C-alpha atoms as a PDB file:
ATOM      1  CA  MET A   1     -15.925  20.202 -34.506  1.00  0.00           C
ATOM      2  CA  ILE A   2     -18.937  20.215 -32.171  1.00  0.00           C
ATOM      3  CA  LEU A   3     -17.257  17.670 -29.863  1.00  0.00           C
ATOM      4  CA  ALA A   4     -14.071  19.738 -29.827  1.00  0.00           C
ATOM      5  CA  LEU A   5     -16.043  22.814 -28.798  1.00  0.00           C
ATOM      6  CA  LEU A   6     -17.830  20.910 -26.049  1.00  0.00           C
ATOM      7  CA  PHE A   7     -14.531  19.710 -24.592  1.00  0.00           C
ATOM      8  CA  ALA A   8     -13.102  23.236 -24.817  1.00  0.00           C
ATOM      9  CA  CYS A   9     -16.039  24.556 -22.781  1.00  0.00           C
ATOM     10  CA  SER A  10     -15.910  21.761 -20.184  1.00  0.00           C
ATOM     11  CA  PRO A  11     -12.545  21.768 -18.384  1.00  0.00           C
ATOM     12  CA  LEU A  12     -11.599  18.645 -16.482  1.00  0.00           C
ATOM     13  CA  PRO A  13     -12.234  18.804 -12.730  1.00  0.00           C
ATOM     14  CA  GLU A  14      -9.375  19.457 -10.329  1.00  0.00           C
ATOM     15  CA  THR A  15     -10.795  17.054  -7.747  1.00  0.00           C
ATOM     16  CA  ILE A  16     -13.306  14.236  -7.673  1.00  0.00           C
ATOM     17  CA  THR A  17     -14.942  12.334  -4.809  1.00  0.00           C
ATOM     18  CA  MET A  18     -13.842   8.909  -3.646  1.00  0.00           C
ATOM     19  CA  THR A  19     -16.152   6.971  -1.354  1.00  0.00           C
ATOM     20  CA  GLY A  20     -15.165   3.929   0.637  1.00  0.00           C
ATOM     21  CA  THR A  21     -15.192   2.016   3.896  1.00  0.00           C
ATOM     22  CA  VAL A  22     -12.220   1.810   6.272  1.00  0.00           C
ATOM     23  CA  GLY A  23     -11.461  -1.801   7.200  1.00  0.00           C
ATOM     24  CA  ASP A  24      -9.083  -3.307   9.751  1.00  0.00           C
ATOM     25  CA  THR A  25      -7.313  -6.051   7.792  1.00  0.00           C
ATOM     26  CA  PRO A  26      -5.843  -6.570   4.296  1.00  0.00           C
ATOM     27  CA  TYR A  27      -8.134  -7.769   1.508  1.00  0.00           C
ATOM     28  CA  GLY A  28     -11.283  -6.622   3.310  1.00  0.00           C
ATOM     29  CA  GLY A  29     -11.702  -9.784   5.353  1.00  0.00           C
ATOM     30  CA  GLY A  30     -12.203  -8.171   8.774  1.00  0.00           C
ATOM     31  CA  GLY A  31     -14.348  -5.525  10.393  1.00  0.00           C
ATOM     32  CA  VAL A  32     -14.749  -1.804   9.853  1.00  0.00           C
ATOM     33  CA  VAL A  33     -13.178   1.076  11.793  1.00  0.00           C
ATOM     34  CA  ALA A  34     -15.598   3.777  12.895  1.00  0.00           C
ATOM     35  CA  GLY A  35     -14.233   7.300  13.299  1.00  0.00           C
ATOM     36  CA  ALA A  36     -11.046   6.715  11.325  1.00  0.00           C
ATOM     37  CA  VAL A  37      -9.477   9.898   9.952  1.00  0.00           C
ATOM     38  CA  VAL A  38      -8.687   9.763   6.220  1.00  0.00           C
ATOM     39  CA  THR A  39      -6.235  12.272   4.717  1.00  0.00           C
ATOM     40  CA  VAL A  40      -5.485  12.744   1.012  1.00  0.00           C
ATOM     41  CA  ILE A  41      -2.150  14.241  -0.130  1.00  0.00           C
ATOM     42  CA  ASP A  42      -1.400  15.266  -3.707  1.00  0.00           C
ATOM     43  CA  ASP A  43       1.668  14.492  -5.797  1.00  0.00           C
ATOM     44  CA  VAL A  44       3.542  17.538  -4.461  1.00  0.00           C
ATOM     45  CA  TYR A  45       2.877  16.369  -0.891  1.00  0.00           C
ATOM     46  CA  GLU A  46       0.221  18.924   0.038  1.00  0.00           C
ATOM     47  CA  ALA A  47      -2.990  18.014   1.852  1.00  0.00           C
ATOM     48  CA  VAL A  48      -6.077  17.976  -0.384  1.00  0.00           C
ATOM     49  CA  ASP A  49      -8.816  16.888   2.030  1.00  0.00           C
ATOM     50  CA  VAL A  50      -9.346  15.342   5.475  1.00  0.00           C
ATOM     51  CA  GLN A  51     -12.496  13.447   6.424  1.00  0.00           C
ATOM     52  CA  THR A  52     -13.674  11.274   9.319  1.00  0.00           C
ATOM     53  CA  ALA A  53     -15.362   7.941   8.690  1.00  0.00           C
ATOM     54  CA  ASP A  54     -18.816   7.502  10.193  1.00  0.00           C
ATOM     55  CA  GLY A  55     -19.980   4.790  12.584  1.00  0.00           C
ATOM     56  CA  ASP A  56     -20.000   2.236   9.760  1.00  0.00           C
ATOM     57  CA  GLY A  57     -16.470   3.140   8.639  1.00  0.00           C
ATOM     58  CA  GLU A  58     -17.806   4.898   5.541  1.00  0.00           C
ATOM     59  CA  PHE A  59     -16.332   8.128   4.176  1.00  0.00           C
ATOM     60  CA  ALA A  60     -16.353  10.448   1.155  1.00  0.00           C
ATOM     61  CA  ILE A  61     -13.231  12.456   0.375  1.00  0.00           C
ATOM     62  CA  LEU A  62     -11.819  14.636  -2.407  1.00  0.00           C
ATOM     63  CA  VAL A  63      -8.865  13.305  -4.410  1.00  0.00           C
ATOM     64  CA  PRO A  64      -6.943  14.974  -7.262  1.00  0.00           C
ATOM     65  CA  ALA A  65      -8.427  14.128 -10.656  1.00  0.00           C
ATOM     66  CA  GLY A  66      -6.298  12.262 -13.180  1.00  0.00           C
ATOM     67  CA  VAL A  67      -3.032  12.240 -11.215  1.00  0.00           C
ATOM     68  CA  PRO A  68      -1.378  10.147  -8.494  1.00  0.00           C
ATOM     69  CA  PHE A  69      -2.355  10.787  -4.894  1.00  0.00           C
ATOM     70  CA  PHE A  70      -1.458   9.489  -1.433  1.00  0.00           C
ATOM     71  CA  LEU A  71      -3.817   8.540   1.365  1.00  0.00           C
ATOM     72  CA  THR A  72      -3.208   8.024   5.097  1.00  0.00           C
ATOM     73  CA  VAL A  73      -5.645   6.524   7.603  1.00  0.00           C
ATOM     74  CA  THR A  74      -5.367   6.967  11.380  1.00  0.00           C
ATOM     75  CA  ALA A  75      -7.544   5.735  14.248  1.00  0.00           C
ATOM     76  CA  ASP A  76      -7.305   5.170  17.991  1.00  0.00           C
ATOM     77  CA  GLY A  77      -5.692   1.823  18.792  1.00  0.00           C
ATOM     78  CA  HIS A  78      -4.210   1.654  15.298  1.00  0.00           C
ATOM     79  CA  VAL A  79      -1.027   2.795  13.583  1.00  0.00           C
ATOM     80  CA  PRO A  80      -1.085   5.275  10.673  1.00  0.00           C
ATOM     81  CA  THR A  81      -1.464   3.282   7.458  1.00  0.00           C
ATOM     82  CA  ALA A  82      -0.566   4.713   4.035  1.00  0.00           C
ATOM     83  CA  PHE A  83      -1.730   4.009   0.493  1.00  0.00           C
ATOM     84  CA  SER A  84      -1.312   5.486  -2.977  1.00  0.00           C
ATOM     85  CA  GLY A  85      -3.409   5.520  -6.103  1.00  0.00           C
ATOM     86  CA  THR A  86      -4.342   7.316  -9.296  1.00  0.00           C
ATOM     87  CA  ALA A  87      -7.853   8.583  -9.934  1.00  0.00           C
ATOM     88  CA  GLY A  88      -9.702   9.222 -13.173  1.00  0.00           C
ATOM     89  CA  VAL A  89     -11.921  12.240 -13.792  1.00  0.00           C
ATOM     90  CA  TYR A  90     -15.201  10.903 -12.378  1.00  0.00           C
ATOM     91  CA  ASP A  91     -16.346  10.221  -8.826  1.00  0.00           C
ATOM     92  CA  PHE A  92     -15.706   6.612  -7.849  1.00  0.00           C
ATOM     93  CA  GLY A  93     -15.949   4.064  -5.067  1.00  0.00           C
ATOM     94  CA  ALA A  94     -12.801   2.567  -3.566  1.00  0.00           C
ATOM     95  CA  PRO A  95     -12.408  -1.173  -4.212  1.00  0.00           C
ATOM     96  CA  PRO A  96     -13.295  -3.595  -1.402  1.00  0.00           C
ATOM     97  CA  GLY A  97     -10.544  -3.724   1.222  1.00  0.00           C
ATOM     98  CA  TYR A  98      -9.215  -0.248   0.401  1.00  0.00           C
ATOM     99  CA  PRO A  99      -8.296   1.512   2.545  1.00  0.00           C
ATOM    100  CA  TRP A 100      -7.671  -0.202   5.863  1.00  0.00           C
ATOM    101  CA  VAL A 101      -5.820   0.737   9.041  1.00  0.00           C
ATOM    102  CA  ALA A 102      -3.605  -1.670  10.980  1.00  0.00           C
ATOM    103  CA  SER A 103      -4.428  -2.274  14.638  1.00  0.00           C
ATOM    104  CA  ASP A 104      -1.751  -2.326  17.314  1.00  0.00           C
ATOM    105  CA  ALA A 105      -2.439  -6.058  17.716  1.00  0.00           C
ATOM    106  CA  TRP A 106      -1.996  -6.668  13.971  1.00  0.00           C
ATOM    107  CA  MET A 107       1.342  -4.851  14.051  1.00  0.00           C
ATOM    108  CA  ALA A 108       2.495  -6.826  17.082  1.00  0.00           C
ATOM    109  CA  GLU A 109       1.713 -10.051  15.229  1.00  0.00           C
ATOM    110  CA  LEU A 110       3.633  -8.823  12.186  1.00  0.00           C
ATOM    111  CA  ARG A 111       6.683  -8.087  14.334  1.00  0.00           C
ATOM    112  CA  ALA A 112       6.424 -11.513  15.952  1.00  0.00           C
ATOM    113  CA  ASP A 113       6.298 -13.195  12.536  1.00  0.00           C
ATOM    114  CA  PHE A 114       9.554 -11.453  11.530  1.00  0.00           C
ATOM    115  CA  ALA A 115      11.264 -11.604  14.920  1.00  0.00           C
ATOM    116  CA  ALA A 116      14.609 -12.776  13.468  1.00  0.00           C
ATOM    117  CA  CYS A 117      14.939  -9.743  11.174  1.00  0.00           C
ATOM    118  CA  PRO A 118      18.175  -7.835  11.989  1.00  0.00           C
ATOM    119  CA  THR A 119      16.382  -4.480  11.597  1.00  0.00           C
ATOM    120  CA  LEU A 120      13.364  -5.426  13.718  1.00  0.00           C
ATOM    121  CA  ASP A 121      13.951  -2.643  16.261  1.00  0.00           C
ATOM    122  CA  ALA A 122      14.942   0.075  13.794  1.00  0.00           C
ATOM    123  CA  PRO A 123      12.859   3.238  14.340  1.00  0.00           C
ATOM    124  CA  GLY A 124      10.652   4.488  11.534  1.00  0.00           C
ATOM    125  CA  ALA A 125       7.883   3.213   9.310  1.00  0.00           C
ATOM    126  CA  ILE A 126       7.344  -0.382   8.237  1.00  0.00           C
ATOM    127  CA  VAL A 127       6.665  -1.604   4.704  1.00  0.00           C
ATOM    128  CA  ALA A 128       5.029  -5.036   4.547  1.00  0.00           C
ATOM    129  CA  GLY A 129       3.289  -7.094   1.929  1.00  0.00           C
ATOM    130  CA  GLU A 130       2.901 -10.180  -0.223  1.00  0.00           C
ATOM    131  CA  VAL A 131       4.252 -10.554  -3.757  1.00  0.00           C
ATOM    132  CA  ARG A 132       1.470 -11.864  -5.987  1.00  0.00           C
ATOM    133  CA  GLY A 133       1.088 -12.272  -9.722  1.00  0.00           C
ATOM    134  CA  SER A 134      -1.362 -10.036 -11.525  1.00  0.00           C
ATOM    135  CA  THR A 135      -4.177 -12.086 -13.055  1.00  0.00           C
ATOM    136  CA  PRO A 136      -7.321 -10.399 -14.427  1.00  0.00           C
ATOM    137  CA  GLY A 137     -10.636 -11.422 -12.945  1.00  0.00           C
ATOM    138  CA  ILE A 138      -9.273 -12.860  -9.684  1.00  0.00           C
ATOM    139  CA  THR A 139      -9.700 -11.206  -6.290  1.00  0.00           C
ATOM    140  CA  TYR A 140      -6.499  -9.951  -4.671  1.00  0.00           C
ATOM    141  CA  ALA A 141      -6.478 -12.527  -1.872  1.00  0.00           C
ATOM    142  CA  GLU A 142      -6.696 -15.358  -4.426  1.00  0.00           C
ATOM    143  CA  LEU A 143      -3.899 -14.187  -6.743  1.00  0.00           C
ATOM    144  CA  PRO A 144      -0.945 -16.602  -6.970  1.00  0.00           C
ATOM    145  CA  LEU A 145       2.046 -15.943  -4.724  1.00  0.00           C
ATOM    146  CA  VAL A 146       5.372 -15.357  -6.496  1.00  0.00           C
ATOM    147  CA  PRO A 147       8.109 -17.217  -4.562  1.00  0.00           C
ATOM    148  CA  THR A 148      11.028 -15.515  -6.335  1.00  0.00           C
ATOM    149  CA  GLY A 149       9.875 -12.040  -5.293  1.00  0.00           C
ATOM    150  CA  THR A 150      12.154  -9.573  -3.501  1.00  0.00           C
ATOM    151  CA  ALA A 151      11.611  -6.061  -2.168  1.00  0.00           C
ATOM    152  CA  ARG A 152      13.504  -3.011  -0.953  1.00  0.00           C
ATOM    153  CA  ALA A 153      12.616   0.572  -0.052  1.00  0.00           C
ATOM    154  CA  ILE A 154      14.501   3.620  -1.350  1.00  0.00           C
ATOM    155  CA  ASP A 155      14.177   7.101   0.168  1.00  0.00           C
ATOM    156  CA  LEU A 156      14.676  10.473  -1.510  1.00  0.00           C
ATOM    157  CA  ASP A 157      18.388  10.432  -0.680  1.00  0.00           C
ATOM    158  CA  GLY A 158      18.825   7.110  -2.476  1.00  0.00           C
ATOM    159  CA  THR A 159      19.365   5.162   0.746  1.00  0.00           C
ATOM    160  CA  GLU A 160      18.196   1.558   0.402  1.00  0.00           C
ATOM    161  CA  TYR A 161      16.373  -0.419   3.076  1.00  0.00           C
ATOM    162  CA  PRO A 162      16.416  -4.192   2.522  1.00  0.00           C
ATOM    163  CA  ALA A 163      13.534  -6.536   3.205  1.00  0.00           C
ATOM    164  CA  CYS A 164      13.333  -9.471   5.575  1.00  0.00           C
ATOM    165  CA  TYR A 165      11.669 -12.731   4.602  1.00  0.00           C
ATOM    166  CA  LEU A 166      10.268 -15.954   6.026  1.00  0.00           C
ATOM    167  CA  ASP A 167      11.366 -19.454   5.151  1.00  0.00           C
ATOM    168  CA  ASP A 168       9.036 -21.772   3.263  1.00  0.00           C
ATOM    169  CA  ASP A 169       7.540 -22.955   6.560  1.00  0.00           C
ATOM    170  CA  GLY A 170       6.633 -19.388   7.504  1.00  0.00           C
ATOM    171  CA  VAL A 171       9.411 -19.073  10.091  1.00  0.00           C
ATOM    172  CA  SER A 172      11.338 -15.821  10.429  1.00  0.00           C
ATOM    173  CA  VAL A 173      14.948 -15.940   9.196  1.00  0.00           C
ATOM    174  CA  ALA A 174      17.794 -13.425   9.454  1.00  0.00           C
ATOM    175  CA  ASP A 175      19.305 -14.013   6.019  1.00  0.00           C
ATOM    176  CA  GLY A 176      16.491 -14.865   3.611  1.00  0.00           C
ATOM    177  CA  THR A 177      16.973 -13.947  -0.039  1.00  0.00           C
ATOM    178  CA  ASP A 178      13.388 -13.921  -1.375  1.00  0.00           C
ATOM    179  CA  VAL A 179       9.776 -14.254  -0.283  1.00  0.00           C
ATOM    180  CA  GLY A 180       9.661 -18.011  -0.904  1.00  0.00           C
ATOM    181  CA  THR A 181       6.377 -19.863  -0.890  1.00  0.00           C
ATOM    182  CA  THR A 182       4.852 -17.556   1.739  1.00  0.00           C
ATOM    183  CA  GLY A 183       5.139 -14.571  -0.605  1.00  0.00           C
ATOM    184  CA  ARG A 184       5.691 -12.312   2.414  1.00  0.00           C
ATOM    185  CA  PHE A 185       8.226  -9.581   3.120  1.00  0.00           C
ATOM    186  CA  VAL A 186       8.732  -6.735   5.600  1.00  0.00           C
ATOM    187  CA  ILE A 187      11.038  -3.707   5.633  1.00  0.00           C
ATOM    188  CA  PHE A 188      11.723  -2.088   9.006  1.00  0.00           C
ATOM    189  CA  GLY A 189      13.188   1.355   9.722  1.00  0.00           C
ATOM    190  CA  VAL A 190      11.958   3.294   6.698  1.00  0.00           C
ATOM    191  CA  PRO A 191      12.076   7.079   7.271  1.00  0.00           C
ATOM    192  CA  ALA A 192       8.874   9.087   7.200  1.00  0.00           C
ATOM    193  CA  GLY A 193       8.180  10.847   3.910  1.00  0.00           C
ATOM    194  CA  PRO A 194       8.325   9.947   0.216  1.00  0.00           C
ATOM    195  CA  VAL A 195       9.610   6.451  -0.466  1.00  0.00           C
ATOM    196  CA  ILE A 196       9.823   4.097  -3.446  1.00  0.00           C
ATOM    197  CA  VAL A 197       9.221   0.380  -2.918  1.00  0.00           C
ATOM    198  CA  ASP A 198      11.071  -1.701  -5.505  1.00  0.00           C
ATOM    199  CA  VAL A 199       9.477  -5.132  -6.002  1.00  0.00           C
ATOM    200  CA  ARG A 200      10.953  -7.604  -8.457  1.00  0.00           C
ATOM    201  CA  TYR A 201      11.009 -11.303  -9.259  1.00  0.00           C
ATOM    202  CA  THR A 202      12.854 -13.794 -11.436  1.00  0.00           C
ATOM    203  CA  ASP A 203      10.724 -15.189 -14.238  1.00  0.00           C
ATOM    204  CA  PRO A 204      11.311 -18.590 -15.891  1.00  0.00           C
ATOM    205  CA  ALA A 205      13.290 -16.943 -18.703  1.00  0.00           C
ATOM    206  CA  GLY A 206      15.783 -15.572 -16.215  1.00  0.00           C
ATOM    207  CA  ASP A 207      14.695 -11.960 -16.596  1.00  0.00           C
ATOM    208  CA  VAL A 208      14.104  -9.804 -13.502  1.00  0.00           C
ATOM    209  CA  PRO A 209      11.079  -7.559 -14.097  1.00  0.00           C
ATOM    210  CA  VAL A 210      10.657  -4.647 -11.668  1.00  0.00           C
ATOM    211  CA  GLU A 211       7.579  -2.895 -10.282  1.00  0.00           C
ATOM    212  CA  LEU A 212       7.971   0.455  -8.478  1.00  0.00           C
ATOM    213  CA  TYR A 213       5.463   1.730  -5.926  1.00  0.00           C
ATOM    214  CA  GLN A 214       5.535   5.256  -4.532  1.00  0.00           C
ATOM    215  CA  PHE A 215       4.211   6.176  -1.078  1.00  0.00           C
ATOM    216  CA  VAL A 216       4.425   8.802   1.620  1.00  0.00           C
ATOM    217  CA  ALA A 217       5.468   6.719   4.622  1.00  0.00           C
ATOM    218  CA  PRO A 218       3.828   7.865   7.880  1.00  0.00           C
ATOM    219  CA  ASP A 219       6.006   8.374  10.943  1.00  0.00           C
ATOM    220  CA  ALA A 220       6.068   5.094  12.920  1.00  0.00           C
ATOM    221  CA  GLY A 221       3.319   3.829  10.633  1.00  0.00           C
ATOM    222  CA  LEU A 222       2.718   1.150   8.024  1.00  0.00           C
ATOM    223  CA  VAL A 223       2.951   1.055   4.236  1.00  0.00           C
ATOM    224  CA  PRO A 224       1.051  -2.086   3.215  1.00  0.00           C
ATOM    225  CA  LEU A 225       1.423  -3.840  -0.126  1.00  0.00           C
ATOM    226  CA  TYR A 226      -1.267  -6.507   0.047  1.00  0.00           C
ATOM    227  CA  PRO A 227      -0.718  -7.414  -2.701  1.00  0.00           C
ATOM    228  CA  ALA A 228       2.538  -6.198  -4.212  1.00  0.00           C
ATOM    229  CA  LEU A 229       1.465  -6.908  -7.772  1.00  0.00           C
ATOM    230  CA  VAL A 230       3.929  -8.101 -10.399  1.00  0.00           C
ATOM    231  CA  ASN A 231       3.210  -9.352 -13.907  1.00  0.00           C
ATOM    232  CA  ALA A 232       4.214 -12.934 -13.226  1.00  0.00           C
ATOM    233  CA  LEU A 233       1.964 -15.580 -14.738  1.00  0.00           C
END
C-alpha cells in the first residue's frame, strides 16, 4: 500500500534528458562533428527540443519519456541524417556511435558504390544500411551479416520503394535480389516524412521473419540502418 501511494504521488516525467556525441561515420569509428544541430520529434511529429553540439560534438537534449521518438542531425558539409528510438523514464546516455551525421563525401561514396541502381537519381531521401543478426554482447560493427536480407521502404500512402544491392564482390548491380555477403542495401527516392523500413530475411527453416523500423525521413537526407537488426542466429 505504501509503494502504491508513492507511485500515485510521483507521476512519470513527460521528458527526460539524453546526452551523446555526434559522430561522422556509422558505428562510431570516425571523428566528431562540432556544432551539429540535433532535433527531437515526438511520435505525433511535433518538435520536442533542438540543441547544438559543442566543440567536442557533445550535446544534451530532451526526449519524450517512455515512448518512441525521432531524431534528426544537421551540420554544414553534411546531409540531414535521421534516427529513431524509444526512451525509458530516466536520463540516459546515447550508445557509442549514436547519433552521427553523414558528410557530403560519405554520401558521394555511397552513391558511387550503388551506381548501377535504376533509382540512383530519384529525388528524395536515401535509406541505407547493413542487415546484421542480433547477438547479445557483441558490438554492432562485429555482428554477423545476414546474406539473405532484403529491404524496402513504405510511405504513409502505402507506396513501396525497393532496395538496391551489391553482388558478393561488392559491385553494384541493377537487379540484385538480396544483400548477399556484403549485407548492404540502399533505397533511393524516398519521400520526406514518416516512412516504414521493412527488413526481412530467409532463415534456414524457410520462414521469412520481418523487422519494421519507423523513421521521419529528412528532405534530401539519409536514414541510416547501421545495423538493420534481425533475429537471425
